[in-house]
N, C-alpha and C. Protein backbone atom coordinates (compact mmCIF):
# COMPACT_ATOMS: atom_id res chain seq x y z
N MET A 1 7.05 -14.90 -11.39
CA MET A 1 6.33 -14.34 -12.11
C MET A 1 4.85 -14.55 -12.50
N LYS A 2 4.09 -13.47 -13.00
CA LYS A 2 2.87 -13.55 -13.04
C LYS A 2 2.26 -13.93 -14.60
N GLU A 3 1.30 -14.61 -14.66
CA GLU A 3 0.31 -14.91 -15.98
C GLU A 3 -0.65 -14.13 -16.29
N PHE A 4 -0.46 -13.61 -17.82
CA PHE A 4 -1.66 -12.65 -17.83
C PHE A 4 -2.19 -13.08 -19.31
N MET A 5 -3.78 -12.96 -19.18
CA MET A 5 -4.53 -13.22 -20.59
C MET A 5 -4.42 -11.83 -21.21
N VAL A 6 -3.92 -12.23 -22.69
CA VAL A 6 -4.11 -10.87 -23.66
C VAL A 6 -5.08 -11.18 -24.34
N LEU A 7 -6.23 -10.11 -24.64
CA LEU A 7 -7.49 -9.97 -25.43
C LEU A 7 -7.16 -9.18 -26.47
N TYR A 8 -7.06 -9.85 -27.84
CA TYR A 8 -6.93 -8.84 -28.91
C TYR A 8 -8.47 -8.26 -29.20
N MET A 9 -8.51 -6.92 -29.05
CA MET A 9 -9.57 -6.40 -29.42
C MET A 9 -9.97 -5.32 -30.66
N ALA A 10 -11.14 -5.29 -30.97
CA ALA A 10 -11.23 -4.49 -32.17
C ALA A 10 -12.91 -4.29 -32.31
N PRO A 11 -13.13 -3.18 -33.13
CA PRO A 11 -14.67 -3.24 -33.55
C PRO A 11 -15.19 -4.34 -34.42
N GLY A 12 -16.19 -4.99 -34.26
CA GLY A 12 -16.43 -6.27 -35.14
C GLY A 12 -16.69 -5.69 -36.64
N ALA A 13 -17.00 -4.44 -36.69
CA ALA A 13 -17.02 -3.92 -37.98
C ALA A 13 -15.26 -3.97 -38.74
N ALA A 14 -14.32 -3.77 -38.04
CA ALA A 14 -12.92 -3.80 -38.14
C ALA A 14 -12.45 -5.34 -38.53
N TYR A 15 -13.03 -6.44 -38.10
CA TYR A 15 -12.52 -7.80 -38.15
C TYR A 15 -13.30 -8.08 -39.35
N GLU A 16 -14.80 -7.57 -39.77
CA GLU A 16 -15.06 -7.92 -41.10
C GLU A 16 -14.75 -7.32 -41.96
N ALA A 17 -14.41 -6.16 -41.82
CA ALA A 17 -13.38 -5.64 -43.12
C ALA A 17 -12.21 -6.35 -43.54
N GLY A 18 -11.75 -6.60 -42.54
CA GLY A 18 -10.29 -7.55 -42.73
C GLY A 18 -10.51 -8.55 -43.13
N ARG A 19 -11.37 -9.38 -42.90
CA ARG A 19 -11.71 -10.75 -43.33
C ARG A 19 -11.94 -10.51 -45.10
N LYS A 20 -13.16 -9.51 -45.20
CA LYS A 20 -13.58 -9.54 -46.68
C LYS A 20 -12.41 -8.56 -47.53
N ASN A 21 -11.86 -7.72 -47.08
CA ASN A 21 -10.91 -6.59 -47.93
C ASN A 21 -9.20 -7.17 -48.04
N CYS A 22 -9.20 -8.13 -47.28
CA CYS A 22 -7.53 -8.63 -47.28
C CYS A 22 -7.21 -9.57 -48.44
N THR A 23 -6.26 -9.23 -49.29
CA THR A 23 -5.72 -10.06 -50.12
C THR A 23 -4.97 -11.21 -49.45
N PRO A 24 -4.69 -12.25 -50.61
CA PRO A 24 -3.98 -13.23 -50.05
C PRO A 24 -2.31 -12.92 -49.81
N GLU A 25 -1.91 -12.00 -50.29
CA GLU A 25 -0.73 -11.44 -49.88
C GLU A 25 -0.55 -10.78 -48.79
N GLN A 26 -1.87 -9.90 -48.57
CA GLN A 26 -2.00 -9.17 -47.06
C GLN A 26 -2.24 -9.97 -45.85
N GLN A 27 -2.96 -11.28 -45.98
CA GLN A 27 -3.04 -12.09 -45.18
C GLN A 27 -1.69 -12.77 -44.72
N ARG A 28 -0.94 -13.00 -45.76
CA ARG A 28 0.29 -13.68 -45.58
C ARG A 28 1.30 -12.68 -44.69
N GLU A 29 1.32 -11.50 -45.02
CA GLU A 29 2.08 -10.62 -44.61
C GLU A 29 1.84 -10.44 -43.18
N SER A 30 0.52 -10.39 -43.04
CA SER A 30 -0.02 -10.43 -41.61
C SER A 30 0.38 -11.39 -40.63
N MET A 31 0.36 -12.62 -41.14
CA MET A 31 0.88 -13.99 -40.34
C MET A 31 2.38 -13.74 -40.37
N ASP A 32 3.17 -13.43 -41.13
CA ASP A 32 4.55 -13.26 -41.05
C ASP A 32 4.82 -12.25 -39.87
N ALA A 33 3.98 -11.31 -40.24
CA ALA A 33 4.30 -10.21 -38.63
C ALA A 33 3.64 -10.71 -37.44
N TRP A 34 2.91 -11.47 -37.33
CA TRP A 34 2.51 -12.28 -36.01
C TRP A 34 3.70 -13.11 -35.76
N ILE A 35 4.22 -14.27 -36.71
CA ILE A 35 4.98 -14.93 -36.12
C ILE A 35 6.30 -14.30 -35.94
N ALA A 36 6.65 -13.34 -36.73
CA ALA A 36 8.18 -12.45 -36.43
C ALA A 36 7.77 -12.05 -34.93
N TRP A 37 6.71 -11.46 -34.51
CA TRP A 37 6.69 -10.87 -32.96
C TRP A 37 6.42 -12.08 -32.14
N MET A 38 5.85 -13.23 -32.40
CA MET A 38 5.73 -14.32 -31.41
C MET A 38 7.33 -14.81 -31.31
N ASP A 39 7.93 -15.09 -32.36
CA ASP A 39 9.47 -15.37 -32.42
C ASP A 39 10.52 -14.69 -31.31
N GLY A 40 10.06 -13.37 -31.46
CA GLY A 40 10.84 -12.30 -30.83
C GLY A 40 10.44 -12.01 -29.26
N HIS A 41 9.33 -12.80 -28.75
CA HIS A 41 8.76 -12.86 -27.59
C HIS A 41 8.36 -14.13 -27.01
N GLU A 42 9.06 -15.31 -27.65
CA GLU A 42 9.05 -16.58 -27.09
C GLU A 42 9.29 -16.86 -25.95
N LYS A 43 10.24 -16.15 -25.19
CA LYS A 43 10.44 -16.52 -23.71
C LYS A 43 9.43 -16.13 -22.84
N SER A 44 8.35 -15.35 -23.39
CA SER A 44 7.19 -14.70 -22.57
C SER A 44 5.97 -15.20 -22.75
N ILE A 45 6.07 -15.98 -23.85
CA ILE A 45 4.63 -16.51 -24.46
C ILE A 45 4.29 -17.78 -23.92
N LEU A 46 3.34 -18.08 -23.31
CA LEU A 46 2.95 -19.22 -22.39
C LEU A 46 2.09 -20.19 -23.55
N ASP A 47 1.47 -19.08 -24.02
CA ASP A 47 0.29 -19.74 -24.83
C ASP A 47 0.06 -18.85 -26.16
N GLY A 48 0.29 -19.26 -27.18
CA GLY A 48 0.26 -18.35 -28.44
C GLY A 48 -1.19 -17.66 -28.81
N GLY A 49 -2.17 -18.49 -28.34
CA GLY A 49 -3.50 -18.30 -28.42
C GLY A 49 -4.14 -18.79 -29.78
N ALA A 50 -5.16 -18.00 -30.06
CA ALA A 50 -5.72 -18.42 -31.40
C ALA A 50 -6.99 -17.25 -31.73
N PRO A 51 -7.17 -16.89 -32.86
CA PRO A 51 -8.27 -16.13 -32.92
C PRO A 51 -9.53 -16.77 -32.30
N LEU A 52 -10.76 -15.83 -32.00
CA LEU A 52 -11.79 -16.26 -31.65
C LEU A 52 -12.93 -16.18 -32.65
N GLY A 53 -14.08 -16.91 -32.41
CA GLY A 53 -15.11 -16.74 -33.20
C GLY A 53 -16.54 -16.59 -32.57
N ARG A 54 -17.75 -16.94 -32.95
CA ARG A 54 -19.13 -16.83 -32.16
C ARG A 54 -18.93 -17.10 -30.83
N THR A 55 -19.71 -16.02 -30.26
CA THR A 55 -19.79 -16.01 -28.70
C THR A 55 -21.31 -16.54 -28.70
N VAL A 56 -21.44 -17.34 -27.56
CA VAL A 56 -22.85 -17.26 -26.85
C VAL A 56 -22.84 -17.02 -25.36
N ARG A 57 -23.86 -16.45 -25.04
CA ARG A 57 -23.96 -16.11 -23.39
C ARG A 57 -24.83 -17.15 -22.63
N VAL A 58 -24.49 -17.73 -21.39
CA VAL A 58 -24.70 -18.25 -20.66
C VAL A 58 -25.20 -18.03 -19.33
N ASP A 59 -26.75 -17.81 -18.93
CA ASP A 59 -26.98 -17.46 -17.64
C ASP A 59 -28.05 -17.95 -17.17
N ALA A 60 -28.68 -17.88 -15.98
CA ALA A 60 -29.73 -18.60 -15.44
C ALA A 60 -31.09 -18.52 -16.26
N THR A 61 -31.22 -18.19 -17.35
CA THR A 61 -32.27 -18.16 -18.06
C THR A 61 -32.27 -19.04 -19.33
N GLY A 62 -30.77 -19.30 -19.50
CA GLY A 62 -30.44 -20.06 -20.58
C GLY A 62 -29.28 -19.52 -21.57
N VAL A 63 -29.22 -19.93 -22.93
CA VAL A 63 -28.32 -19.63 -23.75
C VAL A 63 -28.65 -18.75 -24.73
N SER A 64 -27.86 -17.64 -25.18
CA SER A 64 -28.27 -17.13 -26.44
C SER A 64 -27.03 -16.28 -26.84
N ASP A 65 -27.53 -15.70 -28.29
CA ASP A 65 -26.10 -15.31 -28.94
C ASP A 65 -25.68 -14.13 -28.54
N THR A 66 -24.75 -13.52 -28.44
CA THR A 66 -24.03 -12.20 -28.06
C THR A 66 -23.00 -11.89 -29.03
N LYS A 67 -22.65 -10.62 -28.79
CA LYS A 67 -21.52 -10.19 -29.26
C LYS A 67 -20.36 -9.46 -28.51
N ASN A 68 -19.30 -9.57 -28.72
CA ASN A 68 -18.22 -8.88 -28.11
C ASN A 68 -17.10 -8.38 -29.06
N GLU A 69 -15.86 -7.35 -28.53
CA GLU A 69 -15.18 -7.05 -29.40
C GLU A 69 -13.68 -8.15 -29.17
N VAL A 70 -13.93 -9.19 -28.76
CA VAL A 70 -12.64 -9.97 -28.71
C VAL A 70 -12.29 -10.78 -29.98
N GLY A 71 -11.24 -10.48 -30.47
CA GLY A 71 -10.91 -11.51 -31.55
C GLY A 71 -10.08 -12.47 -31.61
N GLY A 72 -9.28 -12.60 -30.34
CA GLY A 72 -8.45 -13.57 -30.23
C GLY A 72 -7.69 -13.43 -28.75
N TYR A 73 -6.93 -14.24 -28.55
CA TYR A 73 -6.19 -14.31 -27.37
C TYR A 73 -4.80 -14.98 -27.29
N SER A 74 -4.07 -14.78 -26.22
CA SER A 74 -2.47 -15.22 -25.92
C SER A 74 -2.42 -15.23 -24.44
N ILE A 75 -1.55 -16.04 -24.00
CA ILE A 75 -1.09 -15.82 -22.29
C ILE A 75 0.23 -15.68 -22.21
N VAL A 76 0.72 -14.74 -21.35
CA VAL A 76 1.81 -14.32 -21.38
C VAL A 76 2.50 -14.41 -19.81
N GLU A 77 3.79 -14.33 -19.78
CA GLU A 77 4.27 -14.53 -18.51
C GLU A 77 5.22 -12.95 -18.26
N ALA A 78 5.06 -12.55 -17.34
CA ALA A 78 5.98 -11.36 -16.86
C ALA A 78 5.86 -10.91 -15.57
N GLU A 79 6.85 -10.07 -15.29
CA GLU A 79 7.13 -9.90 -13.76
C GLU A 79 6.08 -8.95 -12.97
N SER A 80 5.16 -8.11 -14.07
CA SER A 80 4.22 -7.28 -13.64
C SER A 80 3.17 -6.85 -14.81
N HIS A 81 2.18 -6.14 -14.73
CA HIS A 81 1.24 -5.58 -15.47
C HIS A 81 2.32 -4.72 -16.55
N GLU A 82 3.08 -3.99 -16.17
CA GLU A 82 3.68 -2.92 -16.70
C GLU A 82 4.58 -3.82 -17.71
N ALA A 83 5.33 -4.63 -17.00
CA ALA A 83 6.00 -5.52 -18.13
C ALA A 83 5.64 -6.14 -19.35
N ALA A 84 4.33 -6.73 -18.69
CA ALA A 84 3.37 -7.33 -19.73
C ALA A 84 3.01 -6.51 -21.00
N ALA A 85 2.66 -5.41 -20.38
CA ALA A 85 2.22 -4.26 -21.48
C ALA A 85 3.32 -3.85 -22.65
N LYS A 86 4.77 -3.93 -21.87
CA LYS A 86 5.89 -3.44 -22.59
C LYS A 86 6.09 -4.52 -23.96
N LEU A 87 5.63 -5.62 -23.76
CA LEU A 87 5.63 -6.65 -24.91
C LEU A 87 4.94 -6.31 -25.96
N PHE A 88 3.64 -5.73 -25.85
CA PHE A 88 2.75 -4.92 -26.69
C PHE A 88 3.10 -3.77 -27.24
N GLY A 89 4.28 -3.21 -27.92
CA GLY A 89 4.28 -1.97 -28.25
C GLY A 89 3.45 -1.77 -29.39
N HIS A 90 3.37 -0.22 -29.63
CA HIS A 90 2.51 0.31 -30.76
C HIS A 90 3.05 -0.33 -32.21
N ASP A 91 4.05 -1.05 -32.38
CA ASP A 91 4.05 -1.92 -33.57
C ASP A 91 3.84 -3.23 -33.60
N HIS A 92 3.12 -3.75 -32.23
CA HIS A 92 2.37 -4.78 -32.45
C HIS A 92 1.38 -5.14 -33.89
N PRO A 93 1.29 -6.36 -34.47
CA PRO A 93 0.76 -6.70 -35.55
C PRO A 93 -0.79 -6.25 -35.43
N HIS A 94 -1.46 -6.67 -34.24
CA HIS A 94 -2.80 -6.58 -34.18
C HIS A 94 -3.14 -5.10 -34.03
N LEU A 95 -2.09 -4.44 -33.60
CA LEU A 95 -2.49 -2.80 -33.45
C LEU A 95 -2.39 -2.13 -34.95
N GLN A 96 -2.11 -2.71 -35.80
CA GLN A 96 -2.12 -2.35 -37.20
C GLN A 96 -3.32 -2.13 -37.84
N MET A 97 -4.41 -2.85 -37.30
CA MET A 97 -5.93 -2.86 -37.65
C MET A 97 -6.47 -1.70 -37.40
N PRO A 98 -7.19 -0.79 -38.13
CA PRO A 98 -8.07 0.20 -37.50
C PRO A 98 -8.69 -0.15 -36.28
N GLY A 99 -8.78 0.96 -35.38
CA GLY A 99 -9.68 0.65 -34.22
C GLY A 99 -9.33 -0.18 -33.06
N ALA A 100 -8.15 -0.93 -33.30
CA ALA A 100 -7.72 -1.85 -32.38
C ALA A 100 -6.96 -1.68 -31.33
N TRP A 101 -7.21 -2.49 -30.28
CA TRP A 101 -6.32 -2.24 -29.00
C TRP A 101 -6.18 -3.74 -28.52
N ILE A 102 -5.35 -3.63 -27.11
CA ILE A 102 -5.13 -4.81 -26.62
C ILE A 102 -5.37 -4.77 -25.06
N GLU A 103 -6.26 -5.53 -24.27
CA GLU A 103 -6.29 -5.43 -23.14
C GLU A 103 -5.49 -6.55 -22.55
N ILE A 104 -4.86 -6.31 -21.13
CA ILE A 104 -3.86 -7.52 -20.34
C ILE A 104 -4.33 -7.78 -19.22
N VAL A 105 -5.16 -8.82 -18.73
CA VAL A 105 -5.62 -9.25 -17.45
C VAL A 105 -4.70 -10.12 -16.85
N GLU A 106 -4.41 -9.80 -15.49
CA GLU A 106 -3.85 -10.97 -14.53
C GLU A 106 -4.53 -12.00 -14.65
N ILE A 107 -3.93 -13.12 -14.61
CA ILE A 107 -4.53 -14.44 -14.26
C ILE A 107 -4.07 -14.55 -12.71
N MET A 108 -5.26 -14.68 -11.84
CA MET A 108 -5.04 -14.63 -10.49
C MET A 108 -4.84 -16.16 -10.01
N ASP A 109 -4.21 -16.17 -8.98
CA ASP A 109 -4.01 -17.56 -8.42
C ASP A 109 -5.29 -17.95 -7.34
N ILE A 110 -5.62 -19.22 -7.37
CA ILE A 110 -6.94 -19.56 -6.59
C ILE A 110 -6.39 -20.13 -5.35
N PRO A 111 -7.05 -19.18 -4.30
CA PRO A 111 -6.40 -19.45 -2.61
C PRO A 111 -7.00 -20.95 -2.46
N GLY A 112 -5.72 -21.49 -1.94
CA GLY A 112 -5.80 -22.91 -1.51
C GLY A 112 -5.71 -24.21 -2.27
N MET A 113 -5.17 -23.46 -3.58
CA MET A 113 -4.79 -24.58 -4.67
C MET A 113 -3.53 -24.40 -5.09
């Protein structure tokens, strides 16, 4: 089995609108949908992950604030990229956010380790 980092992506404005405009009932419904999805795929989920917040960039000149479109992550296990992608059908809770998408990146073995 291979491991994959799953990145939950959306434009920053979509995340902000969701935080500002969601009622407590909508937040609860969203969490219920996530929990149901995770329960239905528990054999493939190695780490359910979490939402992600502020980003800083570190380079040779120092540290600076930056922005990206990553809103959260999970780690899953599957036979292939295609099999991992099938876990995240069009009805995945994250994809209900306008403009949202999911990126799936294979976690590679480190040679010699």
